[in-house]
Amino acid sequence: MGPGQVEHQERRVRTGLLAGAVLCLVASGGLLWWRYGGAIFNDLVSTTLAWCL
């Protein structure tokens, strides 16, 4: 295996891990939305804006 092939393989692994992390975040957000509806997200946005102001 040459150095170029190792870098390509590392880049694929890094991209796969990043895609997996994004997929987990989207899935957990979807589960929260399904379970609690819009209340959790509305409260989260309201609380965040309150802290900013």
Protein backbone atom coordinates (compact mmCIF):
# COMPACT_ATOMS: atom_id res chain seq x y z
CA MET A 1 0.00 0.00 0.00
CA GLY A 2 1.44 3.35 -0.99
CA PRO A 3 1.15 6.61 0.91
CA GLY A 4 -1.44 7.98 -1.52
CA GLN A 5 -3.69 4.98 -1.00
CA VAL A 6 -3.45 5.29 2.79
CA GLU A 7 -4.42 8.98 2.65
CA HIS A 8 -7.37 8.15 0.39
CA GLN A 9 -8.52 5.42 2.77
CA GLU A 10 -8.20 7.74 5.79
CA ARG A 11 -10.23 10.40 3.98
CA ARG A 12 -12.98 7.84 3.24
CA VAL A 13 -13.06 6.74 6.89
CA ARG A 14 -13.17 10.37 8.07
CA THR A 15 -16.02 11.16 5.66
CA GLY A 16 -17.91 8.05 6.75
CA LEU A 17 -17.58 8.94 10.43
CA LEU A 18 -18.72 12.51 9.79
CA ALA A 19 -21.72 11.28 7.79
CA GLY A 20 -22.56 8.84 10.58
CA ALA A 21 -22.42 11.59 13.20
CA VAL A 22 -24.71 13.83 11.14
CA LEU A 23 -27.10 10.92 10.61
CA CYS A 24 -27.19 10.24 14.37
CA LEU A 25 -27.99 13.89 15.09
CA VAL A 26 -30.78 13.93 12.52
CA ALA A 27 -32.18 10.64 13.82
CA SER A 28 -32.14 11.80 17.45
CA GLY A 29 -33.86 15.05 16.44
CA GLY A 30 -36.47 13.06 14.55
CA LEU A 31 -37.08 10.81 17.55
CA LEU A 32 -37.44 13.80 19.85
CA TRP A 33 -39.85 15.44 17.41
CA TRP A 34 -41.88 12.24 17.09
CA ARG A 35 -42.04 11.71 20.86
CA TYR A 36 -42.53 15.24 22.17
CA GLY A 37 -43.73 17.16 19.13
CA GLY A 38 -42.78 20.74 18.50
CA ALA A 39 -42.83 21.69 22.20
CA ILE A 40 -39.23 20.70 22.87
CA PHE A 41 -37.92 22.58 19.86
CA ASN A 42 -40.06 25.66 20.51
CA ASP A 43 -38.88 25.73 24.14
CA LEU A 44 -35.28 25.26 23.05
CA VAL A 45 -35.46 28.14 20.59
CA SER A 46 -37.24 30.38 23.13
CA THR A 47 -34.68 29.60 25.83
CA THR A 48 -31.77 30.22 23.47
CA LEU A 49 -33.17 33.58 22.39
CA ALA A 50 -33.83 34.51 26.03
CA TRP A 51 -30.20 33.79 26.93
CA CYS A 52 -28.98 35.86 23.99
CA LEU A 53 -31.14 38.82 24.93
